């Protein structure tokens, strides 16, 4: 399993309009091959938004990066300071702390 954390700020887009955009796009993300789940993030006090993506494996994450959906988010004119970090999941301790583990 692989985890990706994406963060960004909004530019010339209200939080309400961003929330509507997320609601409109959620089903598109639900259909991504290899995506186990996505948690949508919002911190109004810091103006930071983003998502935590749980991928079947790193390959699924890399394949998503080649899609039009990924490109539309990465180049969206109202999202700025975008950062993406990916991590392998340490399965042993994650199981102990009741983390969600999916076998390949």
C-alpha atoms as a PDB file:
ATOM      1  CA  UNK A   1       0.000   0.000   0.000  1.00  0.00           C
ATOM      2  CA  UNK A   2       1.122   3.556  -0.695  1.00  0.00           C
ATOM      3  CA  UNK A   3      -0.020   6.898   0.722  1.00  0.00           C
ATOM      4  CA  UNK A   4       0.114  10.260  -1.026  1.00  0.00           C
ATOM      5  CA  UNK A   5      -0.533  13.580   0.713  1.00  0.00           C
ATOM      6  CA  UNK A   6      -1.327  16.615  -1.417  1.00  0.00           C
ATOM      7  CA  UNK A   7      -1.687  20.136  -0.006  1.00  0.00           C
ATOM      8  CA  UNK A   8      -2.359  23.522  -1.577  1.00  0.00           C
ATOM      9  CA  UNK A   9      -3.915  26.941  -1.022  1.00  0.00           C
ATOM     10  CA  UNK A  10      -6.831  28.496  -2.866  1.00  0.00           C
ATOM     11  CA  UNK A  11      -6.318  31.493  -5.138  1.00  0.00           C
ATOM     12  CA  UNK A  12      -9.291  33.639  -6.168  1.00  0.00           C
ATOM     13  CA  UNK A  13     -11.697  30.855  -5.131  1.00  0.00           C
ATOM     14  CA  UNK A  14     -13.891  30.897  -2.041  1.00  0.00           C
ATOM     15  CA  UNK A  15     -13.957  27.921   0.282  1.00  0.00           C
ATOM     16  CA  UNK A  16     -17.671  27.474  -0.510  1.00  0.00           C
ATOM     17  CA  UNK A  17     -16.956  27.320  -4.250  1.00  0.00           C
ATOM     18  CA  UNK A  18     -14.062  24.947  -3.619  1.00  0.00           C
ATOM     19  CA  UNK A  19     -16.338  22.680  -1.565  1.00  0.00           C
ATOM     20  CA  UNK A  20     -18.855  22.606  -4.425  1.00  0.00           C
ATOM     21  CA  UNK A  21     -16.060  21.722  -6.857  1.00  0.00           C
ATOM     22  CA  UNK A  22     -14.945  18.869  -4.570  1.00  0.00           C
ATOM     23  CA  UNK A  23     -18.482  17.534  -4.311  1.00  0.00           C
ATOM     24  CA  UNK A  24     -18.770  17.632  -8.107  1.00  0.00           C
ATOM     25  CA  UNK A  25     -15.442  15.801  -8.603  1.00  0.00           C
ATOM     26  CA  UNK A  26     -15.687  13.179  -5.849  1.00  0.00           C
ATOM     27  CA  UNK A  27     -17.239  10.497  -8.064  1.00  0.00           C
ATOM     28  CA  UNK A  28     -14.447  10.961 -10.629  1.00  0.00           C
ATOM     29  CA  UNK A  29     -11.896  10.195  -7.931  1.00  0.00           C
ATOM     30  CA  UNK A  30     -13.921   7.222  -6.712  1.00  0.00           C
ATOM     31  CA  UNK A  31     -13.471   5.614 -10.138  1.00  0.00           C
ATOM     32  CA  UNK A  32      -9.642   5.836 -10.250  1.00  0.00           C
ATOM     33  CA  UNK A  33      -8.096   2.373 -10.671  1.00  0.00           C
ATOM     34  CA  UNK A  34      -5.923   1.421  -7.711  1.00  0.00           C
ATOM     35  CA  UNK A  35      -7.259   4.149  -5.409  1.00  0.00           C
ATOM     36  CA  UNK A  36      -8.417   2.539  -2.175  1.00  0.00           C
ATOM     37  CA  UNK A  37      -9.740   5.774  -0.700  1.00  0.00           C
ATOM     38  CA  UNK A  38      -9.253   9.507  -0.597  1.00  0.00           C
ATOM     39  CA  UNK A  39      -9.711  11.710   2.453  1.00  0.00           C
ATOM     40  CA  UNK A  40     -10.465  15.325   1.538  1.00  0.00           C
ATOM     41  CA  UNK A  41      -8.726  17.901   3.762  1.00  0.00           C
ATOM     42  CA  UNK A  42      -9.581  21.484   4.729  1.00  0.00           C
ATOM     43  CA  UNK A  43      -7.978  23.788   7.276  1.00  0.00           C
ATOM     44  CA  UNK A  44      -9.804  27.099   7.019  1.00  0.00           C
ATOM     45  CA  UNK A  45      -7.622  28.802   9.612  1.00  0.00           C
ATOM     46  CA  UNK A  46      -4.416  28.234   7.603  1.00  0.00           C
ATOM     47  CA  UNK A  47      -6.059  28.229   4.174  1.00  0.00           C
ATOM     48  CA  UNK A  48      -4.615  24.795   3.468  1.00  0.00           C
ATOM     49  CA  UNK A  49      -6.588  22.177   1.574  1.00  0.00           C
ATOM     50  CA  UNK A  50      -5.813  18.871  -0.082  1.00  0.00           C
ATOM     51  CA  UNK A  51      -6.192  15.149   0.220  1.00  0.00           C
ATOM     52  CA  UNK A  52      -4.741  11.953   1.583  1.00  0.00           C
ATOM     53  CA  UNK A  53      -4.783   9.228  -1.045  1.00  0.00           C
ATOM     54  CA  UNK A  54      -4.508   5.552  -0.131  1.00  0.00           C
ATOM     55  CA  UNK A  55      -3.229   3.640  -3.153  1.00  0.00           C
ATOM     56  CA  UNK A  56      -3.046  -0.103  -3.778  1.00  0.00           C
ATOM     57  CA  UNK A  57       0.629   0.415  -4.617  1.00  0.00           C
ATOM     58  CA  UNK A  58       3.070   3.001  -5.913  1.00  0.00           C
ATOM     59  CA  UNK A  59       2.410   1.950  -9.510  1.00  0.00           C
ATOM     60  CA  UNK A  60      -1.285   2.908  -9.194  1.00  0.00           C
ATOM     61  CA  UNK A  61      -0.255   6.331  -7.890  1.00  0.00           C
ATOM     62  CA  UNK A  62       2.188   6.779 -10.765  1.00  0.00           C
ATOM     63  CA  UNK A  63      -0.457   5.750 -13.327  1.00  0.00           C
ATOM     64  CA  UNK A  64      -2.880   8.309 -11.882  1.00  0.00           C
ATOM     65  CA  UNK A  65      -0.240  11.003 -12.425  1.00  0.00           C
ATOM     66  CA  UNK A  66      -0.560  10.346 -16.178  1.00  0.00           C
ATOM     67  CA  UNK A  67      -4.317  11.015 -16.296  1.00  0.00           C
ATOM     68  CA  UNK A  68      -6.273  14.025 -17.447  1.00  0.00           C
ATOM     69  CA  UNK A  69      -7.921  14.251 -14.012  1.00  0.00           C
ATOM     70  CA  UNK A  70      -4.526  14.573 -12.322  1.00  0.00           C
ATOM     71  CA  UNK A  71      -3.422  17.157 -14.877  1.00  0.00           C
ATOM     72  CA  UNK A  72      -6.608  19.191 -14.419  1.00  0.00           C
ATOM     73  CA  UNK A  73      -5.961  19.403 -10.668  1.00  0.00           C
ATOM     74  CA  UNK A  74      -2.200  20.015 -10.986  1.00  0.00           C
ATOM     75  CA  UNK A  75      -2.729  22.883 -13.441  1.00  0.00           C
ATOM     76  CA  UNK A  76      -5.934  24.329 -11.968  1.00  0.00           C
ATOM     77  CA  UNK A  77      -5.530  28.123 -11.941  1.00  0.00           C
ATOM     78  CA  UNK A  78      -7.214  28.470  -8.526  1.00  0.00           C
ATOM     79  CA  UNK A  79      -4.879  26.073  -6.690  1.00  0.00           C
ATOM     80  CA  UNK A  80      -1.476  27.377  -5.657  1.00  0.00           C
ATOM     81  CA  UNK A  81       1.547  26.183  -3.691  1.00  0.00           C
ATOM     82  CA  UNK A  82       0.742  22.572  -4.525  1.00  0.00           C
ATOM     83  CA  UNK A  83       2.869  19.965  -2.805  1.00  0.00           C
ATOM     84  CA  UNK A  84       2.730  16.201  -3.149  1.00  0.00           C
ATOM     85  CA  UNK A  85       4.504  13.713  -0.908  1.00  0.00           C
ATOM     86  CA  UNK A  86       4.286   9.955  -1.129  1.00  0.00           C
ATOM     87  CA  UNK A  87       5.065   7.288   1.412  1.00  0.00           C
ATOM     88  CA  UNK A  88       5.283   3.524   1.618  1.00  0.00           C
ATOM     89  CA  UNK A  89       3.155   2.126   4.441  1.00  0.00           C
ATOM     90  CA  UNK A  90       4.966   0.366   7.297  1.00  0.00           C
ATOM     91  CA  UNK A  91       2.583  -2.566   7.500  1.00  0.00           C
ATOM     92  CA  UNK A  92       3.665  -4.169  10.812  1.00  0.00           C
ATOM     93  CA  UNK A  93       3.137  -1.226  13.162  1.00  0.00           C
ATOM     94  CA  UNK A  94       0.198   0.019  11.078  1.00  0.00           C
ATOM     95  CA  UNK A  95      -1.655  -3.248  11.760  1.00  0.00           C
ATOM     96  CA  UNK A  96      -0.970  -2.899  15.491  1.00  0.00           C
ATOM     97  CA  UNK A  97      -2.491   0.596  15.531  1.00  0.00           C
ATOM     98  CA  UNK A  98      -5.512  -0.552  13.513  1.00  0.00           C
ATOM     99  CA  UNK A  99      -4.476   1.208  10.312  1.00  0.00           C
ATOM    100  CA  UNK A 100      -6.131   0.134   7.109  1.00  0.00           C
ATOM    101  CA  UNK A 101      -3.935  -2.378   5.242  1.00  0.00           C
ATOM    102  CA  UNK A 102      -4.821  -3.802   1.834  1.00  0.00           C
ATOM    103  CA  UNK A 103      -2.869  -6.761   0.525  1.00  0.00           C
ATOM    104  CA  UNK A 104      -1.701  -6.651  -3.100  1.00  0.00           C
END
